[in-house]
N, C-alpha and C. Protein backbone atom coordinates (compact mmCIF):
# COMPACT_ATOMS: atom_id res chain seq x y z
N MET A 1 24.22 161.37 -141.22
CA MET A 1 23.70 161.11 -142.57
C MET A 1 24.57 160.07 -143.27
N SER A 2 23.95 159.04 -143.80
CA SER A 2 24.68 157.96 -144.46
C SER A 2 25.21 158.41 -145.81
N ASP A 3 26.39 157.87 -146.19
CA ASP A 3 26.91 158.14 -147.53
C ASP A 3 26.50 157.02 -148.50
N ARG A 4 25.71 156.08 -147.99
CA ARG A 4 25.16 155.03 -148.86
C ARG A 4 23.84 155.49 -149.47
N LYS A 5 23.50 154.91 -150.60
CA LYS A 5 22.22 155.17 -151.26
C LYS A 5 21.22 154.15 -150.71
N LEU A 6 20.28 154.63 -149.90
CA LEU A 6 19.45 153.73 -149.10
C LEU A 6 18.00 153.69 -149.57
N ILE A 7 17.41 152.53 -149.41
CA ILE A 7 15.98 152.37 -149.67
C ILE A 7 15.44 151.28 -148.75
N ALA A 8 14.20 151.43 -148.31
CA ALA A 8 13.57 150.45 -147.43
C ALA A 8 12.41 149.78 -148.15
N LEU A 9 12.46 148.48 -148.26
CA LEU A 9 11.41 147.68 -148.88
C LEU A 9 10.48 147.20 -147.78
N THR A 10 9.18 147.48 -147.90
CA THR A 10 8.22 147.09 -146.87
C THR A 10 7.02 146.39 -147.50
N PHE A 11 6.42 145.50 -146.69
CA PHE A 11 5.27 144.73 -147.14
C PHE A 11 4.17 144.77 -146.08
N ASP A 12 2.94 144.94 -146.52
CA ASP A 12 1.77 144.96 -145.64
C ASP A 12 0.95 143.67 -145.76
N ASP A 13 0.13 143.44 -144.73
CA ASP A 13 -1.02 142.53 -144.80
C ASP A 13 -0.73 141.06 -144.55
N GLY A 14 0.50 140.68 -144.27
CA GLY A 14 0.78 139.30 -143.87
C GLY A 14 0.62 139.17 -142.36
N PRO A 15 1.13 138.07 -141.81
CA PRO A 15 1.83 136.98 -142.51
C PRO A 15 0.84 135.93 -143.02
N ASN A 16 1.32 135.12 -143.97
CA ASN A 16 0.54 133.99 -144.45
C ASN A 16 1.52 132.89 -144.85
N THR A 17 0.98 131.73 -145.14
CA THR A 17 1.85 130.59 -145.45
C THR A 17 1.92 130.28 -146.94
N ASP A 18 1.17 131.00 -147.77
CA ASP A 18 1.19 130.70 -149.21
C ASP A 18 1.99 131.70 -150.02
N THR A 19 1.98 132.97 -149.62
CA THR A 19 2.69 134.00 -150.39
C THR A 19 3.93 134.51 -149.68
N THR A 20 3.85 134.74 -148.36
CA THR A 20 5.00 135.26 -147.63
C THR A 20 6.26 134.44 -147.88
N PRO A 21 6.22 133.10 -147.89
CA PRO A 21 7.45 132.36 -148.16
C PRO A 21 8.09 132.70 -149.51
N HIS A 22 7.28 133.03 -150.51
CA HIS A 22 7.84 133.41 -151.82
C HIS A 22 8.53 134.77 -151.74
N PHE A 23 7.99 135.68 -150.95
CA PHE A 23 8.68 136.95 -150.72
C PHE A 23 10.02 136.69 -150.04
N LEU A 24 10.00 135.85 -149.02
CA LEU A 24 11.23 135.58 -148.27
C LEU A 24 12.26 134.85 -149.13
N ASP A 25 11.80 133.95 -150.01
CA ASP A 25 12.73 133.27 -150.92
C ASP A 25 13.52 134.29 -151.74
N ARG A 26 12.83 135.32 -152.22
CA ARG A 26 13.48 136.31 -153.06
C ARG A 26 14.41 137.21 -152.24
N LEU A 27 13.99 137.58 -151.05
CA LEU A 27 14.88 138.37 -150.19
C LEU A 27 16.16 137.60 -149.91
N GLU A 28 16.00 136.31 -149.63
CA GLU A 28 17.18 135.48 -149.36
C GLU A 28 18.05 135.33 -150.60
N ARG A 29 17.42 135.13 -151.74
CA ARG A 29 18.16 134.95 -153.00
C ARG A 29 19.04 136.16 -153.32
N TYR A 30 18.49 137.37 -153.10
CA TYR A 30 19.22 138.58 -153.45
C TYR A 30 20.00 139.17 -152.29
N GLY A 31 19.87 138.56 -151.11
CA GLY A 31 20.63 139.02 -149.95
C GLY A 31 20.21 140.38 -149.44
N VAL A 32 18.90 140.66 -149.43
CA VAL A 32 18.42 141.96 -148.97
C VAL A 32 17.41 141.77 -147.83
N ARG A 33 17.22 142.85 -147.07
CA ARG A 33 16.29 142.83 -145.95
C ARG A 33 15.07 143.67 -146.27
N ALA A 34 14.01 143.41 -145.52
CA ALA A 34 12.77 144.18 -145.69
C ALA A 34 12.10 144.32 -144.32
N THR A 35 11.02 145.09 -144.31
CA THR A 35 10.22 145.29 -143.10
C THR A 35 8.79 144.84 -143.41
N PHE A 36 8.25 143.98 -142.57
CA PHE A 36 6.90 143.46 -142.74
C PHE A 36 5.96 144.10 -141.72
N PHE A 37 4.94 144.79 -142.22
CA PHE A 37 3.90 145.36 -141.37
C PHE A 37 2.75 144.35 -141.33
N VAL A 38 2.60 143.68 -140.19
CA VAL A 38 1.69 142.54 -140.12
C VAL A 38 0.38 142.89 -139.43
N GLU A 39 -0.64 142.12 -139.78
CA GLU A 39 -1.94 142.22 -139.12
C GLU A 39 -2.01 141.16 -138.01
N GLY A 40 -2.40 141.59 -136.82
CA GLY A 40 -2.46 140.67 -135.71
C GLY A 40 -3.36 139.48 -135.95
N GLN A 41 -4.44 139.68 -136.70
CA GLN A 41 -5.40 138.60 -136.93
C GLN A 41 -4.80 137.42 -137.69
N PHE A 42 -3.68 137.64 -138.37
CA PHE A 42 -3.07 136.58 -139.16
C PHE A 42 -1.88 135.91 -138.46
N ILE A 43 -1.58 136.32 -137.25
CA ILE A 43 -0.48 135.71 -136.50
C ILE A 43 -1.01 134.48 -135.76
N THR A 44 -0.63 133.30 -136.24
CA THR A 44 -1.12 132.03 -135.71
C THR A 44 0.05 131.06 -135.56
N GLU A 45 -0.26 129.89 -135.04
CA GLU A 45 0.78 128.86 -134.92
C GLU A 45 1.36 128.51 -136.29
N LYS A 46 0.54 128.61 -137.34
CA LYS A 46 1.03 128.28 -138.68
C LYS A 46 1.90 129.37 -139.27
N THR A 47 1.62 130.64 -138.93
CA THR A 47 2.38 131.73 -139.55
C THR A 47 3.57 132.18 -138.72
N ILE A 48 3.61 131.84 -137.46
CA ILE A 48 4.75 132.26 -136.62
C ILE A 48 6.09 131.75 -137.20
N PRO A 49 6.18 130.49 -137.69
CA PRO A 49 7.46 130.08 -138.30
C PRO A 49 7.88 130.95 -139.48
N VAL A 50 6.91 131.44 -140.23
CA VAL A 50 7.21 132.33 -141.36
C VAL A 50 7.81 133.64 -140.82
N MET A 51 7.24 134.16 -139.74
CA MET A 51 7.76 135.38 -139.12
C MET A 51 9.17 135.16 -138.59
N LYS A 52 9.39 134.01 -137.98
CA LYS A 52 10.72 133.71 -137.46
C LYS A 52 11.74 133.62 -138.59
N ARG A 53 11.34 133.05 -139.72
CA ARG A 53 12.25 133.00 -140.86
C ARG A 53 12.59 134.41 -141.33
N ALA A 54 11.60 135.28 -141.38
CA ALA A 54 11.87 136.67 -141.79
C ALA A 54 12.88 137.32 -140.86
N MET A 55 12.71 137.12 -139.57
CA MET A 55 13.66 137.69 -138.60
C MET A 55 15.06 137.11 -138.80
N SER A 56 15.13 135.82 -139.11
CA SER A 56 16.44 135.18 -139.31
C SER A 56 17.18 135.75 -140.51
N LEU A 57 16.42 136.34 -141.45
CA LEU A 57 17.02 136.97 -142.63
C LEU A 57 17.37 138.44 -142.40
N GLY A 58 17.15 138.91 -141.17
CA GLY A 58 17.47 140.30 -140.85
C GLY A 58 16.33 141.25 -141.07
N CYS A 59 15.14 140.72 -141.34
CA CYS A 59 13.97 141.57 -141.55
C CYS A 59 13.37 141.98 -140.21
N LEU A 60 12.55 143.02 -140.25
CA LEU A 60 11.82 143.46 -139.06
C LEU A 60 10.33 143.19 -139.23
N ILE A 61 9.66 142.95 -138.10
CA ILE A 61 8.22 142.76 -138.07
C ILE A 61 7.62 143.96 -137.34
N GLU A 62 6.75 144.70 -138.01
CA GLU A 62 6.16 145.90 -137.43
C GLU A 62 4.63 145.81 -137.45
N ASN A 63 3.96 146.83 -136.95
CA ASN A 63 2.54 146.78 -136.64
C ASN A 63 1.68 147.40 -137.75
N HIS A 64 0.68 146.64 -138.22
CA HIS A 64 -0.29 147.13 -139.21
C HIS A 64 -1.72 146.98 -138.68
N ALA A 65 -1.84 147.04 -137.33
CA ALA A 65 -3.12 146.90 -136.62
C ALA A 65 -3.58 145.45 -136.64
N TYR A 66 -4.67 145.19 -135.94
CA TYR A 66 -5.15 143.81 -135.79
C TYR A 66 -6.11 143.40 -136.90
N THR A 67 -7.04 144.27 -137.25
CA THR A 67 -8.13 143.87 -138.16
C THR A 67 -8.10 144.54 -139.52
N HIS A 68 -7.13 145.40 -139.77
CA HIS A 68 -7.06 146.14 -141.04
C HIS A 68 -8.36 146.91 -141.31
N THR A 69 -8.80 147.63 -140.31
CA THR A 69 -9.95 148.52 -140.41
C THR A 69 -9.46 149.95 -140.49
N ASN A 70 -10.11 150.79 -141.31
CA ASN A 70 -9.75 152.21 -141.33
C ASN A 70 -9.93 152.79 -139.93
N MET A 71 -8.85 153.33 -139.37
CA MET A 71 -8.86 153.76 -137.98
C MET A 71 -9.10 155.25 -137.80
N SER A 72 -9.41 155.94 -138.88
CA SER A 72 -9.53 157.39 -138.80
C SER A 72 -10.72 157.85 -137.96
N ASP A 73 -11.73 156.98 -137.81
CA ASP A 73 -12.91 157.34 -137.01
C ASP A 73 -12.96 156.60 -135.67
N MET A 74 -11.92 155.86 -135.36
CA MET A 74 -11.91 155.10 -134.11
C MET A 74 -11.63 156.00 -132.90
N GLY A 75 -12.18 155.58 -131.76
CA GLY A 75 -11.85 156.23 -130.51
C GLY A 75 -10.57 155.67 -129.92
N GLU A 76 -10.07 156.33 -128.88
CA GLU A 76 -8.78 155.96 -128.31
C GLU A 76 -8.75 154.52 -127.80
N GLU A 77 -9.80 154.08 -127.14
CA GLU A 77 -9.81 152.73 -126.58
C GLU A 77 -9.70 151.66 -127.67
N GLN A 78 -10.46 151.84 -128.74
CA GLN A 78 -10.44 150.88 -129.84
C GLN A 78 -9.09 150.89 -130.55
N ILE A 79 -8.52 152.08 -130.74
CA ILE A 79 -7.20 152.20 -131.35
C ILE A 79 -6.16 151.45 -130.53
N ARG A 80 -6.16 151.68 -129.25
CA ARG A 80 -5.16 151.04 -128.38
C ARG A 80 -5.29 149.52 -128.41
N LYS A 81 -6.52 149.03 -128.46
CA LYS A 81 -6.70 147.57 -128.52
C LYS A 81 -6.13 147.01 -129.82
N GLU A 82 -6.40 147.67 -130.94
CA GLU A 82 -5.86 147.22 -132.23
C GLU A 82 -4.33 147.12 -132.18
N LEU A 83 -3.72 148.12 -131.58
CA LEU A 83 -2.25 148.16 -131.53
C LEU A 83 -1.69 147.18 -130.51
N LEU A 84 -2.25 147.19 -129.31
CA LEU A 84 -1.71 146.37 -128.23
C LEU A 84 -1.89 144.88 -128.51
N ASP A 85 -3.03 144.50 -129.07
CA ASP A 85 -3.24 143.09 -129.39
C ASP A 85 -2.19 142.61 -130.40
N THR A 86 -1.91 143.44 -131.38
CA THR A 86 -0.91 143.07 -132.38
C THR A 86 0.49 143.08 -131.79
N ASP A 87 0.81 144.10 -131.00
CA ASP A 87 2.11 144.15 -130.33
C ASP A 87 2.37 142.88 -129.53
N GLY A 88 1.36 142.44 -128.77
CA GLY A 88 1.53 141.27 -127.93
C GLY A 88 1.82 140.02 -128.73
N LEU A 89 1.13 139.85 -129.84
CA LEU A 89 1.35 138.68 -130.68
C LEU A 89 2.72 138.73 -131.36
N VAL A 90 3.12 139.91 -131.84
CA VAL A 90 4.45 140.04 -132.45
C VAL A 90 5.54 139.75 -131.41
N LEU A 91 5.36 140.25 -130.20
CA LEU A 91 6.33 139.99 -129.14
C LEU A 91 6.46 138.50 -128.87
N LEU A 92 5.35 137.80 -128.78
CA LEU A 92 5.39 136.36 -128.54
C LEU A 92 6.10 135.63 -129.67
N ALA A 93 5.88 136.10 -130.90
CA ALA A 93 6.45 135.42 -132.07
C ALA A 93 7.92 135.72 -132.28
N THR A 94 8.33 136.95 -131.96
CA THR A 94 9.67 137.41 -132.34
C THR A 94 10.55 137.84 -131.18
N GLY A 95 9.94 138.09 -130.01
CA GLY A 95 10.71 138.59 -128.88
C GLY A 95 10.95 140.08 -128.93
N ARG A 96 10.27 140.77 -129.82
CA ARG A 96 10.48 142.21 -130.00
C ARG A 96 9.14 142.92 -130.17
N VAL A 97 8.99 144.07 -129.51
CA VAL A 97 7.78 144.88 -129.65
C VAL A 97 7.97 145.83 -130.82
N PRO A 98 7.02 145.91 -131.75
CA PRO A 98 7.16 146.82 -132.89
C PRO A 98 7.34 148.27 -132.47
N LYS A 99 8.18 148.98 -133.22
CA LYS A 99 8.43 150.41 -132.99
C LYS A 99 7.73 151.28 -134.04
N PHE A 100 7.31 150.66 -135.15
CA PHE A 100 6.76 151.41 -136.27
C PHE A 100 5.34 150.92 -136.55
N PHE A 101 4.53 151.82 -137.12
CA PHE A 101 3.12 151.54 -137.37
C PHE A 101 2.72 152.09 -138.72
N ARG A 102 2.05 151.25 -139.51
CA ARG A 102 1.44 151.73 -140.75
C ARG A 102 -0.07 151.59 -140.60
N PRO A 103 -0.80 152.71 -140.55
CA PRO A 103 -2.25 152.62 -140.39
C PRO A 103 -2.91 152.02 -141.62
N PRO A 104 -3.85 151.10 -141.43
CA PRO A 104 -4.57 150.55 -142.58
C PRO A 104 -5.19 151.65 -143.44
N TYR A 105 -5.05 151.49 -144.75
CA TYR A 105 -5.57 152.45 -145.72
C TYR A 105 -4.97 153.85 -145.53
N ILE A 106 -3.92 153.97 -144.72
CA ILE A 106 -3.31 155.25 -144.35
C ILE A 106 -4.41 156.20 -143.83
N GLY A 107 -5.36 155.63 -143.11
CA GLY A 107 -6.40 156.43 -142.47
C GLY A 107 -5.87 157.09 -141.21
N LEU A 108 -5.89 158.42 -141.16
CA LEU A 108 -5.26 159.17 -140.08
C LEU A 108 -6.27 160.06 -139.37
N SER A 109 -5.96 160.38 -138.13
CA SER A 109 -6.75 161.34 -137.35
C SER A 109 -5.89 161.86 -136.21
N ASP A 110 -6.29 162.98 -135.64
CA ASP A 110 -5.58 163.51 -134.47
C ASP A 110 -5.62 162.51 -133.33
N THR A 111 -6.75 161.83 -133.17
CA THR A 111 -6.88 160.82 -132.10
C THR A 111 -5.91 159.68 -132.31
N LEU A 112 -5.74 159.27 -133.56
CA LEU A 112 -4.83 158.17 -133.87
C LEU A 112 -3.39 158.57 -133.52
N PHE A 113 -2.98 159.75 -133.96
CA PHE A 113 -1.62 160.21 -133.65
C PHE A 113 -1.41 160.32 -132.14
N ALA A 114 -2.43 160.79 -131.43
CA ALA A 114 -2.30 160.98 -129.98
C ALA A 114 -2.27 159.65 -129.23
N SER A 115 -2.89 158.63 -129.80
CA SER A 115 -3.06 157.36 -129.09
C SER A 115 -1.94 156.36 -129.34
N VAL A 116 -1.18 156.56 -130.39
CA VAL A 116 -0.17 155.58 -130.79
C VAL A 116 1.23 156.14 -130.58
N ASP A 117 1.98 155.49 -129.72
CA ASP A 117 3.34 155.93 -129.42
C ASP A 117 4.34 155.16 -130.28
N LYS A 118 4.16 155.26 -131.58
CA LYS A 118 5.07 154.64 -132.54
C LYS A 118 5.29 155.62 -133.69
N THR A 119 6.32 155.36 -134.49
CA THR A 119 6.57 156.17 -135.68
C THR A 119 5.66 155.70 -136.81
N PHE A 120 4.94 156.62 -137.42
CA PHE A 120 3.98 156.31 -138.49
C PHE A 120 4.71 156.25 -139.85
N ILE A 121 4.45 155.18 -140.58
CA ILE A 121 5.11 154.95 -141.87
C ILE A 121 4.06 154.84 -142.97
N CYS A 122 4.28 155.56 -144.07
CA CYS A 122 3.49 155.40 -145.28
C CYS A 122 4.37 154.70 -146.30
N GLY A 123 4.70 155.34 -147.41
CA GLY A 123 5.54 154.75 -148.44
C GLY A 123 4.96 155.04 -149.81
N PHE A 124 5.78 154.88 -150.85
CA PHE A 124 5.29 155.03 -152.22
C PHE A 124 4.97 153.65 -152.76
N ASN A 125 3.93 153.56 -153.60
CA ASN A 125 3.40 152.24 -153.93
C ASN A 125 3.16 152.06 -155.42
N ALA A 126 2.70 150.85 -155.76
CA ALA A 126 2.43 150.50 -157.15
C ALA A 126 0.99 150.04 -157.33
N GLU A 127 0.13 150.36 -156.36
CA GLU A 127 -1.26 149.88 -156.37
C GLU A 127 -1.30 148.36 -156.58
N ASP A 128 -0.37 147.67 -155.92
CA ASP A 128 -0.23 146.23 -156.15
C ASP A 128 -1.28 145.40 -155.41
N TRP A 129 -2.21 146.06 -154.74
CA TRP A 129 -3.38 145.34 -154.19
C TRP A 129 -4.41 145.06 -155.30
N ASP A 130 -4.23 145.71 -156.43
CA ASP A 130 -5.17 145.60 -157.55
C ASP A 130 -4.68 144.48 -158.48
N PRO A 131 -5.42 143.38 -158.58
CA PRO A 131 -4.95 142.26 -159.40
C PRO A 131 -4.82 142.58 -160.89
N SER A 132 -5.42 143.68 -161.34
CA SER A 132 -5.31 144.03 -162.76
C SER A 132 -3.97 144.67 -163.10
N ILE A 133 -3.21 145.09 -162.09
CA ILE A 133 -1.88 145.67 -162.33
C ILE A 133 -0.90 144.52 -162.54
N GLU A 134 -0.33 144.44 -163.72
CA GLU A 134 0.51 143.29 -164.07
C GLU A 134 1.89 143.39 -163.41
N THR A 135 2.58 142.26 -163.41
CA THR A 135 3.85 142.11 -162.70
C THR A 135 4.87 143.18 -163.08
N GLU A 136 5.13 143.32 -164.37
CA GLU A 136 6.16 144.26 -164.80
C GLU A 136 5.75 145.70 -164.53
N GLU A 137 4.47 145.99 -164.61
CA GLU A 137 3.99 147.35 -164.31
C GLU A 137 4.22 147.69 -162.85
N ARG A 138 4.08 146.73 -161.96
CA ARG A 138 4.34 146.97 -160.54
C ARG A 138 5.79 147.39 -160.32
N ALA A 139 6.70 146.64 -160.91
CA ALA A 139 8.12 146.98 -160.78
C ALA A 139 8.41 148.34 -161.41
N LYS A 140 7.84 148.60 -162.57
CA LYS A 140 8.06 149.88 -163.28
C LYS A 140 7.62 151.06 -162.43
N ARG A 141 6.46 150.95 -161.79
CA ARG A 141 5.94 152.06 -160.99
C ARG A 141 6.83 152.35 -159.79
N ILE A 142 7.33 151.31 -159.15
CA ILE A 142 8.20 151.52 -158.00
C ILE A 142 9.53 152.14 -158.44
N LEU A 143 10.10 151.63 -159.51
CA LEU A 143 11.38 152.16 -159.99
C LEU A 143 11.27 153.64 -160.37
N ALA A 144 10.12 154.04 -160.87
CA ALA A 144 9.93 155.44 -161.27
C ALA A 144 9.91 156.39 -160.07
N GLN A 145 9.59 155.86 -158.89
CA GLN A 145 9.47 156.70 -157.69
C GLN A 145 10.65 156.57 -156.74
N ALA A 146 11.53 155.62 -157.00
CA ALA A 146 12.61 155.33 -156.05
C ALA A 146 13.60 156.48 -155.96
N LYS A 147 13.97 156.82 -154.73
CA LYS A 147 15.07 157.75 -154.50
C LYS A 147 15.64 157.50 -153.12
N HIS A 148 16.83 158.03 -152.90
CA HIS A 148 17.55 157.84 -151.64
C HIS A 148 16.67 158.24 -150.46
N GLY A 149 16.59 157.34 -149.48
CA GLY A 149 15.79 157.63 -148.29
C GLY A 149 14.34 157.26 -148.43
N GLY A 150 13.98 156.56 -149.50
CA GLY A 150 12.58 156.25 -149.75
C GLY A 150 12.13 154.95 -149.10
N ILE A 151 10.82 154.85 -148.91
CA ILE A 151 10.19 153.67 -148.33
C ILE A 151 9.20 153.11 -149.36
N ILE A 152 9.45 151.90 -149.81
CA ILE A 152 8.59 151.22 -150.78
C ILE A 152 7.47 150.51 -150.04
N LEU A 153 6.23 150.69 -150.49
CA LEU A 153 5.08 150.04 -149.86
C LEU A 153 4.47 149.04 -150.85
N LEU A 154 4.65 147.76 -150.54
CA LEU A 154 4.04 146.69 -151.32
C LEU A 154 3.19 145.81 -150.40
N HIS A 155 2.49 144.83 -150.99
CA HIS A 155 1.51 144.07 -150.22
C HIS A 155 1.78 142.58 -150.27
N ASP A 156 1.76 141.99 -149.08
CA ASP A 156 2.02 140.57 -148.88
C ASP A 156 0.73 139.84 -148.53
N MET A 157 -0.40 140.31 -149.06
CA MET A 157 -1.63 139.59 -148.75
C MET A 157 -1.64 138.25 -149.47
N SER A 158 -2.38 137.33 -148.90
CA SER A 158 -2.43 135.97 -149.42
C SER A 158 -2.76 135.95 -150.91
N GLY A 159 -1.94 135.24 -151.68
CA GLY A 159 -2.19 135.08 -153.11
C GLY A 159 -1.60 136.14 -154.00
N ASN A 160 -0.94 137.14 -153.45
CA ASN A 160 -0.45 138.26 -154.27
C ASN A 160 0.90 137.91 -154.93
N MET A 161 0.86 136.89 -155.77
CA MET A 161 2.10 136.40 -156.37
C MET A 161 2.67 137.36 -157.43
N LYS A 162 1.85 138.22 -158.01
CA LYS A 162 2.40 139.16 -159.00
C LYS A 162 3.43 140.08 -158.35
N THR A 163 3.21 140.45 -157.10
CA THR A 163 4.21 141.29 -156.42
C THR A 163 5.45 140.48 -156.09
N ALA A 164 5.28 139.23 -155.66
CA ALA A 164 6.45 138.38 -155.41
C ALA A 164 7.29 138.27 -156.68
N GLU A 165 6.63 138.06 -157.81
CA GLU A 165 7.35 137.93 -159.09
C GLU A 165 7.97 139.26 -159.51
N ALA A 166 7.31 140.37 -159.19
CA ALA A 166 7.86 141.69 -159.54
C ALA A 166 9.18 141.95 -158.84
N LEU A 167 9.38 141.32 -157.68
CA LEU A 167 10.64 141.50 -156.96
C LEU A 167 11.83 141.01 -157.78
N ASP A 168 11.61 140.06 -158.68
CA ASP A 168 12.70 139.56 -159.51
C ASP A 168 13.20 140.59 -160.51
N THR A 169 12.38 141.58 -160.81
CA THR A 169 12.81 142.72 -161.62
C THR A 169 13.25 143.87 -160.73
N LEU A 170 12.46 144.14 -159.72
CA LEU A 170 12.66 145.33 -158.88
C LEU A 170 13.96 145.30 -158.08
N ILE A 171 14.20 144.21 -157.38
CA ILE A 171 15.38 144.17 -156.51
C ILE A 171 16.68 144.25 -157.32
N PRO A 172 16.88 143.42 -158.36
CA PRO A 172 18.12 143.55 -159.14
C PRO A 172 18.29 144.94 -159.76
N ALA A 173 17.20 145.56 -160.21
CA ALA A 173 17.31 146.89 -160.82
C ALA A 173 17.78 147.92 -159.80
N LEU A 174 17.25 147.87 -158.59
CA LEU A 174 17.66 148.83 -157.56
C LEU A 174 19.09 148.55 -157.09
N LEU A 175 19.47 147.29 -157.01
CA LEU A 175 20.86 146.96 -156.67
C LEU A 175 21.80 147.50 -157.75
N GLU A 176 21.40 147.35 -159.00
CA GLU A 176 22.21 147.84 -160.12
C GLU A 176 22.36 149.36 -160.06
N GLN A 177 21.34 150.04 -159.55
CA GLN A 177 21.39 151.50 -159.41
C GLN A 177 22.19 151.94 -158.17
N GLY A 178 22.69 150.98 -157.41
CA GLY A 178 23.54 151.31 -156.28
C GLY A 178 22.85 151.43 -154.94
N TYR A 179 21.59 151.01 -154.87
CA TYR A 179 20.87 151.10 -153.60
C TYR A 179 21.28 149.99 -152.64
N SER A 180 21.30 150.33 -151.36
CA SER A 180 21.41 149.35 -150.29
C SER A 180 20.04 149.22 -149.64
N PHE A 181 19.57 147.99 -149.48
CA PHE A 181 18.28 147.75 -148.85
C PHE A 181 18.44 147.67 -147.34
N VAL A 182 17.65 148.45 -146.63
CA VAL A 182 17.73 148.49 -145.18
C VAL A 182 16.32 148.36 -144.60
N THR A 183 16.25 148.01 -143.33
CA THR A 183 14.95 148.03 -142.65
C THR A 183 14.56 149.48 -142.39
N VAL A 184 13.30 149.68 -142.04
CA VAL A 184 12.83 151.03 -141.72
C VAL A 184 13.61 151.60 -140.54
N GLU A 185 13.87 150.77 -139.55
CA GLU A 185 14.63 151.23 -138.38
C GLU A 185 16.03 151.69 -138.79
N GLU A 186 16.68 150.91 -139.63
CA GLU A 186 18.01 151.28 -140.11
C GLU A 186 17.95 152.55 -140.95
N LEU A 187 16.89 152.72 -141.72
CA LEU A 187 16.77 153.90 -142.57
C LEU A 187 16.75 155.17 -141.73
N PHE A 188 15.95 155.17 -140.67
CA PHE A 188 15.90 156.35 -139.80
C PHE A 188 17.26 156.61 -139.18
N ARG A 189 17.91 155.56 -138.71
CA ARG A 189 19.21 155.72 -138.05
C ARG A 189 20.26 156.25 -139.03
N GLU A 190 20.35 155.63 -140.20
CA GLU A 190 21.40 156.02 -141.14
C GLU A 190 21.13 157.36 -141.81
N MET A 191 19.88 157.73 -141.95
CA MET A 191 19.55 159.04 -142.52
C MET A 191 19.65 160.15 -141.48
N GLY A 192 19.79 159.77 -140.21
CA GLY A 192 19.87 160.76 -139.15
C GLY A 192 18.56 161.48 -138.91
N THR A 193 17.44 160.80 -139.20
CA THR A 193 16.12 161.39 -139.05
C THR A 193 15.53 161.04 -137.69
N VAL A 194 15.11 162.03 -136.94
CA VAL A 194 14.44 161.82 -135.67
C VAL A 194 12.94 161.93 -135.92
N ALA A 195 12.22 160.86 -135.63
CA ALA A 195 10.78 160.84 -135.91
C ALA A 195 10.05 161.85 -135.05
N GLU A 196 9.10 162.57 -135.65
CA GLU A 196 8.32 163.56 -134.96
C GLU A 196 6.88 163.07 -134.77
N LYS A 197 6.30 163.44 -133.65
CA LYS A 197 4.91 163.12 -133.38
C LYS A 197 4.01 163.84 -134.37
N GLY A 198 2.97 163.17 -134.84
CA GLY A 198 2.04 163.78 -135.76
C GLY A 198 2.49 163.79 -137.20
N GLN A 199 3.56 163.03 -137.51
CA GLN A 199 4.07 162.96 -138.88
C GLN A 199 4.00 161.52 -139.37
N ILE A 200 3.84 161.36 -140.68
CA ILE A 200 3.90 160.04 -141.30
C ILE A 200 4.91 160.13 -142.46
N TYR A 201 5.74 159.10 -142.61
CA TYR A 201 6.92 159.21 -143.45
C TYR A 201 6.87 158.30 -144.68
N THR A 202 7.23 158.88 -145.83
CA THR A 202 7.40 158.15 -147.07
C THR A 202 8.84 158.26 -147.58
N TYR A 203 9.40 159.44 -147.52
CA TYR A 203 10.82 159.69 -147.84
C TYR A 203 11.44 160.40 -146.64
N LEU A 204 12.68 160.01 -146.28
CA LEU A 204 13.35 160.65 -145.15
C LEU A 204 14.38 161.66 -145.68
């Protein structure tokens, strides 16, 4: 168990070339790491350099399926294709196969748990996929839920600049509160948590 106050910042729905760089600029500015749960359909020759930059900053690239379809009603074959196609693209881009998985819409089923040999990650959020939620409100909602061992779930979909801007409030505030930002993999290791099959994690 770590004696540090830990939190994991995570982003869904990238990579892209218009918004992801702004997220990375802020991570670099504040010297913190994050975990990006990417969709395979967005991994292209144009976005691979963005992924490589994230890795160079100490971030991790993890699996958010290929098409961002609710997988709760999918059969095993379709589930495996969603995961394997994305794994293959991430491996080509980064040299690493994802160990963690965030199901789109957090849609879960027994078949999904049985078919995916990865640790399932959820997280606490600010409903930042909703454009009506303003920048400061996004930061406020996350700060209200933050605690040691927590996983923050934000969205890196194209054009979501309000969340990028919210990081300018959120990251300094959490640093001021004594948090160390770690990747999801580091969070499990430092918290001494062994992932269990059939579980999805928001706080460790």
